[in-house]
């Protein structure tokens, strides 16, 4: 029962991907299924589309309908492709499954990015999974013109690698300042994990193209979440009206404000902000209670943050305490606005009434 309770405690999306991948590992190793039965192949998908267009163009609706049926039967590979790992290097593949389990579980947990909201985590998976397949189709389309490049990158060879890098990149942007032990030995900050993991994958022969596609898919998801324009949001000075490094530190009454952030602290970029909620129809399909969270862009988050800070500063100013320029506002009874206490205010010593004691 303890094992079952542990399994039930795993978030649903992470649980499905982890155990389904392990299940297909056993099927592949046992020879019950082959890679050709499970992997999505952009060339086969393109062939189906070409055949359907050809039959419709020539008025052969019966064969066109038959081709559509075959395409629908083929569509299950859109999902199973993400559940297949390279069984020729089983140890490395099991490590990849463990990495996916670790980072996906943290993202989907109560304290993670998706805060244990199943539809939102599933929506992220659907968006990134679709984006990964679209990139593989586009890559196949241009493969003939850039055959040597695509042979080197091996785009679309192993979609599970793309989904893993997608999860790793999203985690690294959510907890960029968290220190972890890379390979259990080297302490690094989370923001550097995708780079080091990509280098390690390249050394052990993991398809580099699939890894990069996963990172790019996660980046596009963050752009949709934040409501910012891809590539433009990477330029220095973009969206200068909205300062993503807006400080939330406010002076406490009677205290001294100190900047506790380190010099190498990694601030959120504008495209790291915001939150993307799953559509209402997905909540209904899953019969999941609609919570009070809502989607909001990076600009909504920054405006709310700025208004909250301004409100706190106004309240502190009203109480006689204010923080200006990041320094302590109250020193020796005067405020940092330059206003000094009047002699009447400073002369508070009791001087007596002039009567002797006992009189």
Protein backbone atom coordinates (compact mmCIF):
# COMPACT_ATOMS: atom_id res chain seq x y z
CA UNK A 1 0.00 0.00 0.00
CA UNK A 2 2.89 2.35 0.69
CA UNK A 3 4.07 1.96 -2.91
CA UNK A 4 0.60 2.68 -4.26
CA UNK A 5 0.33 5.76 -2.07
CA UNK A 6 3.68 6.97 -3.39
CA UNK A 7 2.54 6.47 -6.98
CA UNK A 8 -0.73 8.29 -6.34
CA UNK A 9 1.22 11.21 -4.87
CA UNK A 10 3.02 11.76 -8.19
CA UNK A 11 1.32 14.53 -10.22
CA UNK A 12 -0.84 13.07 -13.03
CA UNK A 13 1.02 14.33 -16.11
CA UNK A 14 4.39 13.31 -14.69
CA UNK A 15 3.00 9.95 -13.59
CA UNK A 16 1.56 9.19 -17.03
CA UNK A 17 4.72 10.07 -18.96
CA UNK A 18 7.08 8.32 -16.54
CA UNK A 19 5.28 4.98 -16.25
CA UNK A 20 4.18 4.91 -19.89
CA UNK A 21 7.77 5.43 -20.99
CA UNK A 22 8.98 2.63 -18.73
CA UNK A 23 6.20 0.38 -20.06
CA UNK A 24 7.23 0.97 -23.68
CA UNK A 25 10.86 0.37 -22.70
CA UNK A 26 9.93 -3.16 -21.66
CA UNK A 27 7.90 -3.68 -24.84
CA UNK A 28 10.76 -2.51 -27.05
CA UNK A 29 13.38 -4.54 -25.22
CA UNK A 30 11.17 -7.62 -25.37
CA UNK A 31 10.59 -7.21 -29.10
CA UNK A 32 6.82 -6.91 -28.77
CA UNK A 33 6.75 -3.62 -30.67
CA UNK A 34 9.20 -1.76 -32.89
CA UNK A 35 10.20 1.85 -33.16
CA UNK A 36 8.42 2.05 -36.51
CA UNK A 37 5.12 1.26 -34.77
CA UNK A 38 5.47 4.08 -32.24
CA UNK A 39 7.53 6.93 -33.67
CA UNK A 40 5.97 9.81 -35.55
CA UNK A 41 7.71 10.17 -38.91
CA UNK A 42 7.30 13.56 -40.64
CA UNK A 43 7.97 11.96 -44.03
CA UNK A 44 5.05 9.55 -43.60
CA UNK A 45 2.81 12.37 -42.40
CA UNK A 46 3.80 14.48 -45.41
CA UNK A 47 3.11 11.55 -47.71
CA UNK A 48 -0.43 11.17 -46.31
CA UNK A 49 -1.09 14.88 -46.83
CA UNK A 50 0.23 14.73 -50.39
CA UNK A 51 -1.92 11.68 -51.23
CA UNK A 52 -5.06 13.29 -49.78
CA UNK A 53 -4.50 16.49 -51.76
CA UNK A 54 -3.79 14.47 -54.90
CA UNK A 55 -7.04 12.47 -54.67
CA UNK A 56 -9.15 15.53 -53.88
CA UNK A 57 -7.58 17.43 -56.75
CA UNK A 58 -8.47 14.63 -59.18
CA UNK A 59 -11.98 14.23 -57.81
CA UNK A 60 -11.33 10.78 -56.35
CA UNK A 61 -13.23 11.37 -53.11
CA UNK A 62 -13.41 7.70 -52.14
CA UNK A 63 -9.64 7.21 -52.10
CA UNK A 64 -9.24 10.61 -50.47
CA UNK A 65 -11.57 9.55 -47.67
CA UNK A 66 -9.66 6.28 -47.32
CA UNK A 67 -6.39 8.21 -46.99
CA UNK A 68 -7.93 10.42 -44.31
CA UNK A 69 -8.93 7.31 -42.34
CA UNK A 70 -5.37 5.99 -42.60
CA UNK A 71 -4.05 9.35 -41.39
CA UNK A 72 -6.37 9.23 -38.37
CA UNK A 73 -5.18 5.71 -37.58
CA UNK A 74 -1.60 6.99 -37.83
CA UNK A 75 -2.24 9.93 -35.49
CA UNK A 76 -1.73 7.92 -32.28
CA UNK A 77 2.00 8.28 -32.96
CA UNK A 78 1.73 11.97 -32.09
CA UNK A 79 1.51 10.77 -28.47
CA UNK A 80 3.53 7.56 -28.45
CA UNK A 81 6.55 9.34 -29.95
CA UNK A 82 7.06 11.11 -26.63
CA UNK A 83 7.01 7.79 -24.75
CA UNK A 84 9.85 6.11 -26.67
CA UNK A 85 13.50 6.22 -25.63
CA UNK A 86 16.64 4.80 -27.18
CA UNK A 87 16.87 1.25 -25.83
CA UNK A 88 20.30 0.66 -27.40
CA UNK A 89 21.77 2.77 -24.58
CA UNK A 90 19.46 1.73 -21.79
CA UNK A 91 21.40 3.26 -18.91
CA UNK A 92 21.46 6.73 -20.50
CA UNK A 93 17.77 6.41 -21.40
CA UNK A 94 16.80 5.49 -17.85
CA UNK A 95 18.73 8.50 -16.60
CA UNK A 96 16.74 10.67 -19.02
CA UNK A 97 13.49 9.20 -17.69
CA UNK A 98 14.63 9.95 -14.15
CA UNK A 99 15.53 13.54 -15.09
CA UNK A 100 12.13 14.00 -16.70
CA UNK A 101 10.42 12.61 -13.60
CA UNK A 102 12.40 14.87 -11.27
CA UNK A 103 11.91 18.19 -13.04
CA UNK A 104 8.37 17.56 -14.31
CA UNK A 105 7.25 16.51 -10.83
CA UNK A 106 8.64 19.71 -9.33
CA UNK A 107 6.99 21.90 -11.98
CA UNK A 108 3.64 20.20 -11.48
CA UNK A 109 3.81 20.09 -7.68
CA UNK A 110 2.00 22.39 -5.30
CA UNK A 111 5.02 24.66 -4.94
CA UNK A 112 5.99 24.49 -8.61
CA UNK A 113 5.00 26.56 -11.59
CA UNK A 114 1.64 24.85 -12.15
CA UNK A 115 0.73 24.58 -8.44
CA UNK A 116 -0.81 21.09 -8.78
CA UNK A 117 -3.36 22.33 -11.34
CA UNK A 118 -3.71 19.35 -13.67
CA UNK A 119 -5.34 21.07 -16.69
CA UNK A 120 -2.71 23.83 -16.78
CA UNK A 121 0.15 21.31 -16.73
CA UNK A 122 -1.57 19.26 -19.43
CA UNK A 123 -2.11 22.39 -21.52
CA UNK A 124 1.61 23.11 -21.35
CA UNK A 125 2.32 19.57 -22.56
CA UNK A 126 -0.14 19.88 -25.45
CA UNK A 127 1.27 23.20 -26.62
CA UNK A 128 4.90 22.12 -26.44
CA UNK A 129 4.20 18.68 -27.90
CA UNK A 130 2.40 20.21 -30.87
CA UNK A 131 5.20 22.74 -31.36
CA UNK A 132 7.82 19.97 -31.32
CA UNK A 133 5.99 18.03 -34.03
CA UNK A 134 5.52 21.18 -36.11
CA UNK A 135 9.25 21.82 -35.97
CA UNK A 136 9.96 18.26 -37.06
CA UNK A 137 7.57 18.64 -40.02
CA UNK A 138 9.15 21.94 -41.05
CA UNK A 139 12.58 20.37 -40.66
CA UNK A 140 11.60 17.48 -42.92
CA UNK A 141 10.28 19.94 -45.52
CA UNK A 142 13.64 21.72 -45.74
CA UNK A 143 15.70 18.57 -45.33
CA UNK A 144 16.38 18.12 -49.04
CA UNK A 145 17.86 21.61 -49.35
CA UNK A 146 20.01 21.35 -46.20
CA UNK A 147 20.62 17.62 -46.03
CA UNK A 148 24.06 17.79 -44.43
CA UNK A 149 22.86 20.17 -41.70
CA UNK A 150 19.83 18.08 -40.83
CA UNK A 151 21.88 14.89 -40.87
CA UNK A 152 24.15 16.43 -38.23
CA UNK A 153 21.31 17.68 -36.04
CA UNK A 154 19.09 14.58 -36.55
CA UNK A 155 15.91 16.62 -36.18
CA UNK A 156 12.85 14.59 -35.21
CA UNK A 157 14.78 11.40 -34.38
CA UNK A 158 13.71 11.16 -30.72
CA UNK A 159 10.81 13.41 -29.57
CA UNK A 160 11.22 12.27 -25.95
CA UNK A 161 14.54 14.13 -25.87
CA UNK A 162 12.72 17.26 -27.04
CA UNK A 163 10.10 16.97 -24.31
CA UNK A 164 12.80 16.40 -21.70
CA UNK A 165 14.75 19.50 -22.75
CA UNK A 166 11.47 21.43 -22.83
CA UNK A 167 10.78 20.53 -19.18
CA UNK A 168 14.38 21.23 -18.15
CA UNK A 169 14.36 24.66 -19.80
CA UNK A 170 11.05 25.64 -18.21
CA UNK A 171 12.31 24.52 -14.80
CA UNK A 172 15.57 26.43 -15.23
CA UNK A 173 13.67 29.64 -16.01
CA UNK A 174 11.32 29.15 -13.06
CA UNK A 175 14.11 28.44 -10.55
CA UNK A 176 17.07 30.06 -12.23
CA UNK A 177 18.87 30.93 -8.97
CA UNK A 178 18.46 27.51 -7.34
CA UNK A 179 21.76 25.69 -6.84
CA UNK A 180 21.73 22.03 -7.88
CA UNK A 181 24.40 19.37 -8.29
CA UNK A 182 24.90 18.63 -11.97
CA UNK A 183 25.50 14.88 -12.37
CA UNK A 184 25.40 14.80 -8.57
CA UNK A 185 28.85 16.37 -8.35
CA UNK A 186 29.13 19.89 -9.77
CA UNK A 187 27.10 22.64 -8.02
CA UNK A 188 25.55 24.97 -10.59
CA UNK A 189 22.74 27.50 -10.72
CA UNK A 190 19.57 26.33 -12.37
CA UNK A 191 19.80 28.84 -15.20
CA UNK A 192 22.88 27.05 -16.57
CA UNK A 193 21.37 23.56 -16.51
CA UNK A 194 20.07 23.48 -20.14
CA UNK A 195 23.50 24.43 -21.52
CA UNK A 196 25.40 21.82 -19.52
CA UNK A 197 22.80 19.14 -20.14
CA UNK A 198 22.93 19.87 -23.87
CA UNK A 199 26.70 19.57 -23.88
CA UNK A 200 26.51 16.26 -22.03
CA UNK A 201 23.92 14.94 -24.49
CA UNK A 202 26.14 15.91 -27.41
CA UNK A 203 29.07 13.97 -25.90
CA UNK A 204 27.06 10.79 -25.37
CA UNK A 205 25.45 10.95 -28.82
CA UNK A 206 21.94 12.21 -28.05
CA UNK A 207 20.39 14.00 -31.09
CA UNK A 208 21.35 17.66 -30.72
CA UNK A 209 18.56 18.89 -32.99
CA UNK A 210 15.84 17.30 -30.87
CA UNK A 211 17.32 18.84 -27.73
CA UNK A 212 17.38 22.32 -29.27
CA UNK A 213 13.83 21.94 -30.58
CA UNK A 214 12.61 21.21 -27.06
CA UNK A 215 14.24 24.36 -25.70
CA UNK A 216 12.81 26.42 -28.55
CA UNK A 217 9.32 24.99 -27.91
CA UNK A 218 9.52 25.91 -24.22
CA UNK A 219 10.67 29.40 -25.18
CA UNK A 220 7.67 29.82 -27.48
CA UNK A 221 5.40 28.66 -24.64
CA UNK A 222 6.90 31.34 -22.38
CA UNK A 223 6.36 33.94 -25.11
CA UNK A 224 2.68 32.96 -25.32
CA UNK A 225 2.44 33.03 -21.54
CA UNK A 226 4.03 36.46 -21.18
CA UNK A 227 2.33 38.00 -24.23
CA UNK A 228 5.67 39.11 -25.68
CA UNK A 229 7.08 38.83 -29.19
CA UNK A 230 9.67 36.08 -29.79
CA UNK A 231 13.22 37.24 -30.58
CA UNK A 232 12.25 40.87 -29.93
CA UNK A 233 11.89 40.12 -26.22
CA UNK A 234 15.54 39.01 -26.20
CA UNK A 235 16.86 42.37 -27.38
CA UNK A 236 18.38 44.77 -24.82
CA UNK A 237 16.00 47.57 -23.91
CA UNK A 238 12.89 45.84 -25.24
CA UNK A 239 9.66 46.80 -23.51
CA UNK A 240 11.55 49.54 -21.68
CA UNK A 241 8.27 50.88 -20.30
CA UNK A 242 7.99 47.74 -18.20
CA UNK A 243 10.94 47.11 -15.95
CA UNK A 244 11.17 43.38 -15.24
CA UNK A 245 13.66 44.10 -12.47
CA UNK A 246 11.20 46.20 -10.52
CA UNK A 247 12.18 45.79 -6.90
CA UNK A 248 9.56 44.50 -4.52
CA UNK A 249 11.56 45.37 -1.42
CA UNK A 250 9.71 47.83 0.80
CA UNK A 251 10.99 49.28 4.04
CA UNK A 252 9.47 47.85 7.16
CA UNK A 253 8.38 50.25 9.90
CA UNK A 254 11.31 50.96 12.19
CA UNK A 255 13.71 48.84 10.15
CA UNK A 256 16.61 49.43 7.82
CA UNK A 257 16.37 48.19 4.25
CA UNK A 258 19.34 46.26 2.94
CA UNK A 259 19.90 44.79 -0.49
CA UNK A 260 20.42 41.11 0.22
CA UNK A 261 20.62 40.01 -3.40
CA UNK A 262 23.99 38.86 -4.63
CA UNK A 263 25.82 40.52 -7.46
CA UNK A 264 25.29 37.48 -9.70
CA UNK A 265 21.57 37.23 -8.95
CA UNK A 266 19.61 36.30 -12.10
CA UNK A 267 16.52 38.46 -12.49
CA UNK A 268 13.47 37.35 -14.40
CA UNK A 269 13.35 38.38 -18.03
CA UNK A 270 10.13 39.91 -19.31
CA UNK A 271 9.28 36.63 -21.07
CA UNK A 272 9.64 34.68 -17.81
CA UNK A 273 6.64 36.45 -16.32
CA UNK A 274 2.93 35.80 -16.61
CA UNK A 275 0.85 32.63 -16.32
CA UNK A 276 -1.02 30.65 -18.97
CA UNK A 277 -4.21 29.00 -17.77
CA UNK A 278 -5.78 26.13 -19.69
CA UNK A 279 -8.97 26.96 -21.62
CA UNK A 280 -12.34 26.34 -20.00
CA UNK A 281 -13.21 23.47 -22.34
CA UNK A 282 -10.22 21.47 -21.10
CA UNK A 283 -11.38 21.92 -17.51
CA UNK A 284 -14.81 20.62 -18.53
CA UNK A 285 -13.40 17.63 -20.40
CA UNK A 286 -11.27 16.67 -17.41
CA UNK A 287 -14.14 17.44 -15.00
CA UNK A 288 -11.71 19.49 -13.01
CA UNK A 289 -13.08 22.25 -10.77
CA UNK A 290 -12.43 25.69 -12.19
CA UNK A 291 -10.27 27.58 -9.72
CA UNK A 292 -9.96 31.30 -9.32
CA UNK A 293 -6.60 31.58 -11.10
CA UNK A 294 -6.62 33.34 -14.43
CA UNK A 295 -4.19 33.89 -17.25
CA UNK A 296 -2.18 37.07 -17.04
CA UNK A 297 0.61 38.47 -19.17
CA UNK A 298 3.96 39.83 -18.08
CA UNK A 299 2.60 43.37 -18.40
CA UNK A 300 -0.34 42.60 -16.12
CA UNK A 301 2.02 41.14 -13.53
CA UNK A 302 4.39 44.11 -13.64
CA UNK A 303 1.56 46.64 -13.45
CA UNK A 304 0.10 44.83 -10.45
CA UNK A 305 3.51 44.69 -8.80
CA UNK A 306 4.21 48.37 -9.42
CA UNK A 307 0.79 49.41 -8.10
CA UNK A 308 1.26 47.29 -4.98
CA UNK A 309 4.63 48.88 -4.26
CA UNK A 310 3.29 52.39 -4.84
CA UNK A 311 0.40 51.67 -2.50
CA UNK A 312 2.75 50.46 0.23
CA UNK A 313 5.03 53.45 -0.21
CA UNK A 314 2.08 55.84 0.08
CA UNK A 315 0.93 54.11 3.25
CA UNK A 316 4.40 54.33 4.76
CA UNK A 317 4.64 57.99 3.81
CA UNK A 318 1.34 58.63 5.54
CA UNK A 319 2.61 56.91 8.69
CA UNK A 320 5.74 59.07 8.73
CA UNK A 321 8.12 56.54 7.25
CA UNK A 322 9.28 56.48 3.68
CA UNK A 323 11.97 54.79 1.68
CA UNK A 324 13.59 56.82 -1.05
CA UNK A 325 16.53 55.82 -3.19
CA UNK A 326 16.98 52.51 -1.44
CA UNK A 327 18.17 54.11 1.85
CA UNK A 328 16.73 54.26 5.30
CA UNK A 329 14.07 56.95 5.43
CA UNK A 330 14.10 57.89 9.10
CA UNK A 331 17.29 59.08 10.78
CA UNK A 332 17.39 60.78 14.17
CA UNK A 333 13.78 61.87 14.00
CA UNK A 334 13.98 63.43 10.54
CA UNK A 335 12.73 62.12 7.22
CA UNK A 336 14.81 61.73 4.09
CA UNK A 337 12.68 64.35 2.38
CA UNK A 338 14.89 67.06 3.97
CA UNK A 339 12.31 68.22 6.50
CA UNK A 340 13.90 68.78 9.94
CA UNK A 341 12.03 68.87 13.23
CA UNK A 342 11.19 72.33 14.56
CA UNK A 343 12.66 73.62 17.85
CA UNK A 344 9.28 73.15 19.41
CA UNK A 345 9.30 69.51 18.41
CA UNK A 346 12.81 68.89 19.74
CA UNK A 347 12.33 70.74 23.07
CA UNK A 348 10.39 68.01 24.83
CA UNK A 349 12.28 67.91 28.18
CA UNK A 350 10.11 68.49 31.29
CA UNK A 351 11.51 71.56 33.11
CA UNK A 352 9.23 71.56 36.15
CA UNK A 353 6.82 74.20 37.49
CA UNK A 354 9.17 76.16 39.78
CA UNK A 355 7.81 74.75 43.06
CA UNK A 356 10.05 73.11 45.63
CA UNK A 357 9.44 69.58 46.70
CA UNK A 358 6.99 69.38 49.59
CA UNK A 359 5.57 72.88 49.02
